[in-house]
Amino acid sequence: MNGMITFILGGSRSGKSSFALERASSISGPKAFIATAQAFDDEMKERIERHKQQRSPEWRTFEEHFALPSLIGSMRNGYDVVLIDCLTLWLSNLLMNNADVEAEIKSFLSSAIACRASLFVVSNEVGMGIVPENALAREFRDFAGTLNRRMAEIADEVYLVTAGIPIKIKASK
């Protein structure tokens, strides 16, 4: 039997990661945290370190910047809870490395559906602002919108976190 999928969206610094961690931590059993961020500068290193400090020792952290579907597949029976933070950083990694983004999204969604753990997935909502001025930024925004929409379709529950307030926008059936 597959676990429940909870999808958590929000803007930058909205509280989505903290909300996801709080919800996921309330479930008992072995826990895996999949971090997709890459630390290219000191500021990002500090952000990653702050996120690490928020997690209790019960969390095993995996850093995966590209092969997210493979990693999820390899965790098939080892964890009761898997938290992915975040899809938009993973998407950025793929775009910057000229990956076949559409194929990767399809593979990711298949791995999420097959995951037996309670899966918590965090992503940024980036489509509510102005149209970006350059082609790469528009491509990113469009892929992020598509990825978020498709993720919401397969999720059992979807939350939008804004100003630190989680709003359930899709409830499990």
N, C-alpha and C. Protein backbone atom coordinates (compact mmCIF):
# COMPACT_ATOMS: atom_id res chain seq x y z
N MET A 1 0.84 -1.19 0.00
CA MET A 1 0.00 0.00 0.00
C MET A 1 0.88 1.24 0.00
N ASN A 2 0.53 2.21 -0.81
CA ASN A 2 1.30 3.44 -0.89
C ASN A 2 0.90 4.39 0.23
N GLY A 3 1.85 5.25 0.60
CA GLY A 3 1.60 6.24 1.63
C GLY A 3 0.85 7.44 1.08
N MET A 4 0.50 8.31 1.95
CA MET A 4 -0.20 9.53 1.58
C MET A 4 0.79 10.56 1.06
N ILE A 5 0.38 11.33 0.07
CA ILE A 5 1.21 12.40 -0.48
C ILE A 5 0.63 13.74 -0.03
N THR A 6 1.48 14.52 0.64
CA THR A 6 1.11 15.88 1.05
C THR A 6 2.01 16.85 0.32
N PHE A 7 1.40 17.77 -0.41
CA PHE A 7 2.12 18.76 -1.21
C PHE A 7 1.94 20.12 -0.57
N ILE A 8 3.08 20.82 -0.35
CA ILE A 8 3.06 22.09 0.36
C ILE A 8 3.72 23.15 -0.50
N LEU A 9 2.94 24.15 -0.87
CA LEU A 9 3.38 25.26 -1.72
C LEU A 9 3.43 26.55 -0.92
N GLY A 10 4.26 27.46 -1.36
CA GLY A 10 4.28 28.79 -0.76
C GLY A 10 5.35 29.63 -1.40
N GLY A 11 5.33 30.88 -1.07
CA GLY A 11 6.34 31.81 -1.56
C GLY A 11 7.62 31.71 -0.73
N SER A 12 8.58 32.49 -1.12
CA SER A 12 9.85 32.54 -0.42
C SER A 12 9.65 32.99 1.03
N ARG A 13 10.24 32.23 1.96
CA ARG A 13 10.20 32.54 3.39
C ARG A 13 8.78 32.56 3.96
N SER A 14 7.88 31.82 3.33
CA SER A 14 6.48 31.81 3.76
C SER A 14 6.22 30.92 4.98
N GLY A 15 7.17 30.01 5.27
CA GLY A 15 6.99 29.08 6.37
C GLY A 15 6.64 27.67 5.89
N LYS A 16 6.70 27.45 4.59
CA LYS A 16 6.31 26.15 4.02
C LYS A 16 7.21 25.02 4.49
N SER A 17 8.52 25.24 4.56
CA SER A 17 9.44 24.18 4.99
C SER A 17 9.23 23.82 6.45
N SER A 18 9.04 24.82 7.29
CA SER A 18 8.80 24.57 8.72
C SER A 18 7.49 23.82 8.92
N PHE A 19 6.47 24.21 8.16
CA PHE A 19 5.17 23.53 8.25
C PHE A 19 5.31 22.07 7.82
N ALA A 20 6.01 21.83 6.72
CA ALA A 20 6.21 20.47 6.23
C ALA A 20 6.95 19.63 7.25
N LEU A 21 8.01 20.19 7.82
CA LEU A 21 8.80 19.46 8.81
C LEU A 21 7.96 19.14 10.05
N GLU A 22 7.17 20.08 10.49
CA GLU A 22 6.31 19.87 11.66
C GLU A 22 5.31 18.74 11.39
N ARG A 23 4.65 18.79 10.24
CA ARG A 23 3.66 17.76 9.89
C ARG A 23 4.32 16.38 9.75
N ALA A 24 5.44 16.35 9.04
CA ALA A 24 6.12 15.07 8.80
C ALA A 24 6.69 14.49 10.09
N SER A 25 7.16 15.35 10.98
CA SER A 25 7.75 14.89 12.24
C SER A 25 6.72 14.25 13.16
N SER A 26 5.45 14.56 12.95
CA SER A 26 4.41 14.02 13.82
C SER A 26 4.09 12.55 13.51
N ILE A 27 4.64 12.03 12.43
CA ILE A 27 4.41 10.63 12.05
C ILE A 27 5.57 9.79 12.60
N SER A 28 5.24 8.67 13.19
CA SER A 28 6.30 7.83 13.77
C SER A 28 6.97 6.98 12.69
N GLY A 29 8.16 6.51 13.02
CA GLY A 29 8.90 5.64 12.12
C GLY A 29 10.12 6.31 11.53
N PRO A 30 10.93 5.56 10.78
CA PRO A 30 12.15 6.10 10.17
C PRO A 30 11.82 7.22 9.19
N LYS A 31 12.64 8.27 9.24
CA LYS A 31 12.37 9.47 8.45
C LYS A 31 13.57 9.84 7.57
N ALA A 32 13.27 10.22 6.32
CA ALA A 32 14.29 10.66 5.39
C ALA A 32 13.96 12.07 4.91
N PHE A 33 14.97 12.91 4.91
CA PHE A 33 14.85 14.28 4.40
C PHE A 33 15.70 14.36 3.14
N ILE A 34 15.09 14.71 2.03
CA ILE A 34 15.81 14.86 0.77
C ILE A 34 15.95 16.34 0.46
N ALA A 35 17.19 16.80 0.50
CA ALA A 35 17.51 18.20 0.22
C ALA A 35 17.99 18.32 -1.22
N THR A 36 17.42 19.26 -1.97
CA THR A 36 17.79 19.42 -3.38
C THR A 36 18.67 20.63 -3.63
N ALA A 37 18.88 21.46 -2.62
CA ALA A 37 19.66 22.69 -2.79
C ALA A 37 21.14 22.40 -2.97
N GLN A 38 21.77 23.26 -3.75
CA GLN A 38 23.22 23.23 -3.90
C GLN A 38 23.78 24.52 -3.33
N ALA A 39 24.88 24.42 -2.62
CA ALA A 39 25.48 25.59 -1.98
C ALA A 39 26.59 26.16 -2.88
N PHE A 40 26.21 27.12 -3.68
CA PHE A 40 27.18 27.75 -4.58
C PHE A 40 27.87 28.96 -3.97
N ASP A 41 27.33 29.45 -2.84
CA ASP A 41 27.92 30.62 -2.20
C ASP A 41 27.72 30.53 -0.68
N ASP A 42 28.34 31.44 0.05
CA ASP A 42 28.28 31.40 1.52
C ASP A 42 26.86 31.60 2.05
N GLU A 43 26.10 32.46 1.41
CA GLU A 43 24.74 32.72 1.87
C GLU A 43 23.89 31.45 1.78
N MET A 44 24.04 30.72 0.68
CA MET A 44 23.27 29.48 0.52
C MET A 44 23.77 28.42 1.50
N LYS A 45 25.05 28.38 1.76
CA LYS A 45 25.59 27.45 2.76
C LYS A 45 24.95 27.71 4.12
N GLU A 46 24.79 28.98 4.46
CA GLU A 46 24.17 29.35 5.74
C GLU A 46 22.71 28.93 5.78
N ARG A 47 21.99 29.13 4.68
CA ARG A 47 20.58 28.72 4.61
C ARG A 47 20.45 27.21 4.83
N ILE A 48 21.30 26.47 4.15
CA ILE A 48 21.26 25.00 4.26
C ILE A 48 21.56 24.59 5.70
N GLU A 49 22.54 25.22 6.31
CA GLU A 49 22.89 24.89 7.69
C GLU A 49 21.74 25.19 8.65
N ARG A 50 21.04 26.32 8.45
CA ARG A 50 19.88 26.65 9.29
C ARG A 50 18.79 25.59 9.16
N HIS A 51 18.56 25.14 7.94
CA HIS A 51 17.55 24.10 7.73
C HIS A 51 17.96 22.80 8.43
N LYS A 52 19.23 22.44 8.36
CA LYS A 52 19.72 21.23 9.02
C LYS A 52 19.49 21.30 10.52
N GLN A 53 19.73 22.47 11.10
CA GLN A 53 19.59 22.64 12.55
C GLN A 53 18.13 22.53 13.00
N GLN A 54 17.19 22.76 12.10
CA GLN A 54 15.77 22.65 12.45
C GLN A 54 15.33 21.20 12.59
N ARG A 55 16.06 20.28 11.98
CA ARG A 55 15.67 18.88 12.00
C ARG A 55 16.25 18.17 13.21
N SER A 56 15.44 17.31 13.80
CA SER A 56 15.91 16.50 14.94
C SER A 56 16.78 15.37 14.42
N PRO A 57 17.53 14.72 15.31
CA PRO A 57 18.41 13.61 14.90
C PRO A 57 17.68 12.41 14.29
N GLU A 58 16.36 12.33 14.47
CA GLU A 58 15.62 11.20 13.90
C GLU A 58 15.58 11.25 12.37
N TRP A 59 15.92 12.38 11.80
CA TRP A 59 15.90 12.54 10.34
C TRP A 59 17.25 12.16 9.74
N ARG A 60 17.21 11.30 8.72
CA ARG A 60 18.41 11.01 7.94
C ARG A 60 18.35 11.88 6.69
N THR A 61 19.40 12.66 6.48
CA THR A 61 19.41 13.60 5.36
C THR A 61 20.13 13.03 4.16
N PHE A 62 19.50 13.20 3.01
CA PHE A 62 20.08 12.85 1.72
C PHE A 62 20.13 14.12 0.89
N GLU A 63 21.27 14.38 0.29
CA GLU A 63 21.39 15.52 -0.62
C GLU A 63 21.39 14.98 -2.03
N GLU A 64 20.37 15.34 -2.78
CA GLU A 64 20.25 14.87 -4.16
C GLU A 64 19.80 16.03 -5.04
N HIS A 65 20.66 16.40 -5.96
CA HIS A 65 20.41 17.58 -6.79
C HIS A 65 19.77 17.24 -8.13
N PHE A 66 19.88 16.00 -8.58
CA PHE A 66 19.40 15.64 -9.91
C PHE A 66 18.54 14.38 -9.93
N ALA A 67 19.03 13.27 -9.39
CA ALA A 67 18.41 11.96 -9.54
C ALA A 67 17.36 11.69 -8.46
N LEU A 68 16.45 12.61 -8.31
CA LEU A 68 15.40 12.48 -7.29
C LEU A 68 14.53 11.23 -7.49
N PRO A 69 14.08 10.92 -8.71
CA PRO A 69 13.28 9.70 -8.88
C PRO A 69 14.02 8.43 -8.46
N SER A 70 15.28 8.32 -8.80
CA SER A 70 16.06 7.13 -8.42
C SER A 70 16.20 7.02 -6.92
N LEU A 71 16.47 8.14 -6.26
CA LEU A 71 16.62 8.12 -4.80
C LEU A 71 15.31 7.70 -4.14
N ILE A 72 14.20 8.24 -4.58
CA ILE A 72 12.91 7.87 -4.00
C ILE A 72 12.66 6.38 -4.21
N GLY A 73 12.99 5.88 -5.40
CA GLY A 73 12.83 4.45 -5.67
C GLY A 73 13.68 3.58 -4.77
N SER A 74 14.88 4.05 -4.45
CA SER A 74 15.77 3.26 -3.59
C SER A 74 15.31 3.25 -2.14
N MET A 75 14.44 4.17 -1.76
CA MET A 75 13.94 4.26 -0.39
C MET A 75 12.65 3.46 -0.20
N ARG A 76 12.28 2.73 -1.19
CA ARG A 76 10.99 2.07 -1.27
C ARG A 76 10.49 1.47 0.06
N ASN A 77 11.33 0.75 0.77
CA ASN A 77 10.87 0.07 1.99
C ASN A 77 11.58 0.53 3.26
N GLY A 78 12.51 1.46 3.17
CA GLY A 78 13.32 1.79 4.32
C GLY A 78 12.81 2.90 5.22
N TYR A 79 11.82 3.67 4.75
CA TYR A 79 11.39 4.84 5.52
C TYR A 79 9.87 4.91 5.57
N ASP A 80 9.37 5.37 6.70
CA ASP A 80 7.93 5.58 6.84
C ASP A 80 7.53 6.99 6.42
N VAL A 81 8.49 7.91 6.48
CA VAL A 81 8.25 9.30 6.13
C VAL A 81 9.40 9.79 5.24
N VAL A 82 9.04 10.46 4.15
CA VAL A 82 10.04 11.09 3.27
C VAL A 82 9.59 12.51 3.02
N LEU A 83 10.50 13.46 3.27
CA LEU A 83 10.21 14.88 3.03
C LEU A 83 11.19 15.37 1.97
N ILE A 84 10.69 15.97 0.90
CA ILE A 84 11.51 16.54 -0.16
C ILE A 84 11.41 18.04 -0.10
N ASP A 85 12.55 18.71 0.00
CA ASP A 85 12.58 20.17 0.07
C ASP A 85 13.73 20.67 -0.81
N CYS A 86 13.49 21.19 -1.97
CA CYS A 86 12.21 21.47 -2.57
C CYS A 86 12.24 21.22 -4.07
N LEU A 87 11.05 21.11 -4.66
CA LEU A 87 10.94 20.79 -6.08
C LEU A 87 11.49 21.89 -6.98
N THR A 88 11.31 23.14 -6.62
CA THR A 88 11.76 24.21 -7.51
C THR A 88 13.29 24.31 -7.56
N LEU A 89 13.96 23.98 -6.48
CA LEU A 89 15.43 23.94 -6.54
C LEU A 89 15.89 22.77 -7.39
N TRP A 90 15.20 21.63 -7.27
CA TRP A 90 15.51 20.48 -8.12
C TRP A 90 15.30 20.85 -9.59
N LEU A 91 14.19 21.51 -9.89
CA LEU A 91 13.89 21.94 -11.25
C LEU A 91 14.97 22.88 -11.78
N SER A 92 15.40 23.81 -10.96
CA SER A 92 16.48 24.73 -11.34
C SER A 92 17.76 23.96 -11.66
N ASN A 93 18.09 22.97 -10.82
CA ASN A 93 19.27 22.15 -11.07
C ASN A 93 19.18 21.47 -12.43
N LEU A 94 18.00 20.92 -12.74
CA LEU A 94 17.81 20.25 -14.02
C LEU A 94 17.98 21.20 -15.19
N LEU A 95 17.35 22.36 -15.10
CA LEU A 95 17.43 23.35 -16.19
C LEU A 95 18.86 23.82 -16.42
N MET A 96 19.58 24.06 -15.34
CA MET A 96 20.95 24.57 -15.47
C MET A 96 21.90 23.51 -16.00
N ASN A 97 21.47 22.25 -16.00
CA ASN A 97 22.31 21.16 -16.51
C ASN A 97 21.74 20.56 -17.80
N ASN A 98 20.84 21.30 -18.44
CA ASN A 98 20.28 20.92 -19.74
C ASN A 98 19.66 19.53 -19.76
N ALA A 99 19.01 19.16 -18.67
CA ALA A 99 18.34 17.87 -18.58
C ALA A 99 17.05 17.90 -19.40
N ASP A 100 16.52 16.74 -19.69
CA ASP A 100 15.21 16.62 -20.32
C ASP A 100 14.18 16.79 -19.21
N VAL A 101 13.78 18.03 -18.98
CA VAL A 101 12.95 18.36 -17.82
C VAL A 101 11.60 17.64 -17.86
N GLU A 102 10.98 17.59 -19.02
CA GLU A 102 9.68 16.92 -19.10
C GLU A 102 9.79 15.45 -18.73
N ALA A 103 10.82 14.78 -19.19
CA ALA A 103 11.02 13.37 -18.84
C ALA A 103 11.31 13.21 -17.35
N GLU A 104 12.11 14.11 -16.79
CA GLU A 104 12.43 14.05 -15.36
C GLU A 104 11.18 14.27 -14.50
N ILE A 105 10.34 15.21 -14.91
CA ILE A 105 9.10 15.46 -14.16
C ILE A 105 8.22 14.21 -14.19
N LYS A 106 8.07 13.61 -15.35
CA LYS A 106 7.26 12.40 -15.48
C LYS A 106 7.81 11.29 -14.59
N SER A 107 9.13 11.11 -14.61
CA SER A 107 9.77 10.09 -13.78
C SER A 107 9.58 10.38 -12.30
N PHE A 108 9.72 11.65 -11.91
CA PHE A 108 9.53 12.03 -10.51
C PHE A 108 8.11 11.72 -10.06
N LEU A 109 7.12 12.11 -10.85
CA LEU A 109 5.74 11.89 -10.46
C LEU A 109 5.44 10.40 -10.31
N SER A 110 6.00 9.58 -11.20
CA SER A 110 5.82 8.13 -11.09
C SER A 110 6.44 7.59 -9.81
N SER A 111 7.62 8.10 -9.46
CA SER A 111 8.28 7.64 -8.23
C SER A 111 7.51 8.10 -6.99
N ALA A 112 6.92 9.28 -7.06
CA ALA A 112 6.12 9.77 -5.93
C ALA A 112 4.89 8.91 -5.72
N ILE A 113 4.23 8.54 -6.81
CA ILE A 113 3.04 7.70 -6.73
C ILE A 113 3.40 6.32 -6.16
N ALA A 114 4.55 5.80 -6.55
CA ALA A 114 4.96 4.46 -6.10
C ALA A 114 5.55 4.44 -4.69
N CYS A 115 5.85 5.60 -4.14
CA CYS A 115 6.47 5.67 -2.82
C CYS A 115 5.52 5.11 -1.77
N ARG A 116 6.05 4.23 -0.93
CA ARG A 116 5.23 3.61 0.11
C ARG A 116 5.19 4.43 1.39
N ALA A 117 6.10 5.35 1.53
CA ALA A 117 6.16 6.19 2.73
C ALA A 117 5.13 7.31 2.65
N SER A 118 4.88 7.94 3.78
CA SER A 118 4.13 9.20 3.78
C SER A 118 5.08 10.22 3.18
N LEU A 119 4.70 10.78 2.05
CA LEU A 119 5.57 11.66 1.29
C LEU A 119 5.11 13.10 1.44
N PHE A 120 6.04 13.96 1.86
CA PHE A 120 5.79 15.39 1.97
C PHE A 120 6.68 16.09 0.96
N VAL A 121 6.08 16.91 0.10
CA VAL A 121 6.82 17.56 -0.97
C VAL A 121 6.60 19.05 -0.87
N VAL A 122 7.72 19.80 -0.82
CA VAL A 122 7.68 21.25 -0.70
C VAL A 122 8.07 21.86 -2.04
N SER A 123 7.38 22.94 -2.41
CA SER A 123 7.71 23.64 -3.65
C SER A 123 7.35 25.11 -3.52
N ASN A 124 8.02 25.93 -4.32
CA ASN A 124 7.71 27.36 -4.34
C ASN A 124 6.62 27.64 -5.35
N GLU A 125 5.71 28.52 -4.99
CA GLU A 125 4.72 29.02 -5.93
C GLU A 125 5.34 30.25 -6.58
N VAL A 126 5.69 30.14 -7.84
CA VAL A 126 6.41 31.23 -8.51
C VAL A 126 5.59 31.93 -9.59
N GLY A 127 4.38 31.46 -9.84
CA GLY A 127 3.61 32.00 -10.95
C GLY A 127 2.69 33.15 -10.62
N MET A 128 2.80 33.73 -9.45
CA MET A 128 1.89 34.80 -9.06
C MET A 128 2.49 36.19 -9.25
N GLY A 129 3.72 36.24 -9.73
CA GLY A 129 4.37 37.54 -9.90
C GLY A 129 4.36 38.00 -11.34
N ILE A 130 5.23 38.92 -11.63
CA ILE A 130 5.32 39.47 -12.98
C ILE A 130 5.95 38.46 -13.93
N VAL A 131 5.75 38.67 -15.22
CA VAL A 131 6.37 37.81 -16.22
C VAL A 131 7.86 38.15 -16.26
N PRO A 132 8.72 37.15 -16.09
CA PRO A 132 10.16 37.42 -16.09
C PRO A 132 10.62 38.02 -17.43
N GLU A 133 11.72 38.77 -17.38
CA GLU A 133 12.19 39.47 -18.57
C GLU A 133 13.07 38.62 -19.49
N ASN A 134 13.55 37.47 -19.01
CA ASN A 134 14.42 36.68 -19.89
C ASN A 134 13.84 35.28 -20.12
N ALA A 135 14.26 34.67 -21.20
CA ALA A 135 13.70 33.39 -21.65
C ALA A 135 13.91 32.26 -20.64
N LEU A 136 15.10 32.17 -20.05
CA LEU A 136 15.37 31.09 -19.09
C LEU A 136 14.46 31.21 -17.88
N ALA A 137 14.28 32.42 -17.38
CA ALA A 137 13.41 32.63 -16.22
C ALA A 137 11.95 32.30 -16.56
N ARG A 138 11.52 32.65 -17.76
CA ARG A 138 10.16 32.30 -18.18
C ARG A 138 10.01 30.78 -18.32
N GLU A 139 11.03 30.13 -18.87
CA GLU A 139 11.00 28.68 -19.01
C GLU A 139 10.91 28.02 -17.62
N PHE A 140 11.71 28.52 -16.68
CA PHE A 140 11.67 28.00 -15.31
C PHE A 140 10.28 28.18 -14.71
N ARG A 141 9.73 29.37 -14.83
CA ARG A 141 8.41 29.66 -14.27
C ARG A 141 7.36 28.74 -14.87
N ASP A 142 7.42 28.53 -16.18
CA ASP A 142 6.45 27.67 -16.85
C ASP A 142 6.58 26.22 -16.40
N PHE A 143 7.82 25.72 -16.34
CA PHE A 143 8.02 24.34 -15.86
C PHE A 143 7.58 24.20 -14.40
N ALA A 144 7.88 25.21 -13.58
CA ALA A 144 7.48 25.15 -12.16
C ALA A 144 5.96 25.10 -12.04
N GLY A 145 5.27 25.90 -12.83
CA GLY A 145 3.81 25.88 -12.80
C GLY A 145 3.26 24.52 -13.20
N THR A 146 3.82 23.95 -14.25
CA THR A 146 3.40 22.63 -14.71
C THR A 146 3.69 21.56 -13.66
N LEU A 147 4.91 21.57 -13.12
CA LEU A 147 5.30 20.61 -12.10
C LEU A 147 4.39 20.72 -10.88
N ASN A 148 4.15 21.93 -10.41
CA ASN A 148 3.28 22.12 -9.23
C ASN A 148 1.86 21.65 -9.51
N ARG A 149 1.33 21.95 -10.69
CA ARG A 149 -0.03 21.53 -11.03
C ARG A 149 -0.12 20.01 -11.07
N ARG A 150 0.85 19.38 -11.71
CA ARG A 150 0.83 17.92 -11.81
C ARG A 150 1.04 17.25 -10.45
N MET A 151 1.88 17.86 -9.62
CA MET A 151 2.10 17.34 -8.27
C MET A 151 0.80 17.44 -7.46
N ALA A 152 0.12 18.56 -7.57
CA ALA A 152 -1.15 18.75 -6.85
C ALA A 152 -2.20 17.74 -7.30
N GLU A 153 -2.17 17.37 -8.57
CA GLU A 153 -3.13 16.38 -9.08
C GLU A 153 -2.96 15.02 -8.41
N ILE A 154 -1.72 14.62 -8.15
CA ILE A 154 -1.50 13.28 -7.56
C ILE A 154 -1.50 13.31 -6.03
N ALA A 155 -1.41 14.49 -5.44
CA ALA A 155 -1.34 14.61 -3.98
C ALA A 155 -2.70 14.33 -3.34
N ASP A 156 -2.64 13.74 -2.15
CA ASP A 156 -3.85 13.52 -1.37
C ASP A 156 -4.30 14.81 -0.70
N GLU A 157 -3.31 15.58 -0.22
CA GLU A 157 -3.59 16.88 0.41
C GLU A 157 -2.63 17.91 -0.17
N VAL A 158 -3.14 19.14 -0.31
CA VAL A 158 -2.31 20.25 -0.78
C VAL A 158 -2.55 21.43 0.15
N TYR A 159 -1.44 22.04 0.57
CA TYR A 159 -1.50 23.23 1.41
C TYR A 159 -0.79 24.38 0.70
N LEU A 160 -1.34 25.57 0.86
CA LEU A 160 -0.67 26.80 0.45
C LEU A 160 -0.31 27.53 1.73
N VAL A 161 0.97 27.82 1.91
CA VAL A 161 1.42 28.53 3.11
C VAL A 161 1.74 29.96 2.70
N THR A 162 1.07 30.88 3.35
CA THR A 162 1.31 32.30 3.09
C THR A 162 1.39 33.04 4.41
N ALA A 163 2.41 33.86 4.56
CA ALA A 163 2.63 34.62 5.79
C ALA A 163 2.63 33.72 7.02
N GLY A 164 3.15 32.49 6.86
CA GLY A 164 3.24 31.55 7.96
C GLY A 164 1.95 30.83 8.28
N ILE A 165 0.92 31.06 7.48
CA ILE A 165 -0.38 30.44 7.74
C ILE A 165 -0.65 29.38 6.68
N PRO A 166 -0.75 28.11 7.10
CA PRO A 166 -1.07 27.05 6.14
C PRO A 166 -2.57 27.02 5.84
N ILE A 167 -2.91 26.98 4.56
CA ILE A 167 -4.29 26.90 4.12
C ILE A 167 -4.45 25.63 3.32
N LYS A 168 -5.32 24.73 3.77
CA LYS A 168 -5.54 23.49 3.03
C LYS A 168 -6.38 23.82 1.80
N ILE A 169 -5.83 23.51 0.62
CA ILE A 169 -6.56 23.79 -0.61
C ILE A 169 -7.02 22.52 -1.33
N LYS A 170 -6.57 21.37 -0.83
CA LYS A 170 -7.08 20.07 -1.33
C LYS A 170 -7.05 19.10 -0.18
N ALA A 171 -8.20 18.50 0.10
CA ALA A 171 -8.29 17.54 1.21
C ALA A 171 -8.33 16.13 0.66
N SER A 172 -7.82 15.20 1.45
CA SER A 172 -7.84 13.79 1.04
C SER A 172 -9.29 13.31 0.99
N LYS A 173 -9.50 12.36 0.09
CA LYS A 173 -10.87 11.86 -0.12
C LYS A 173 -11.21 10.76 0.82
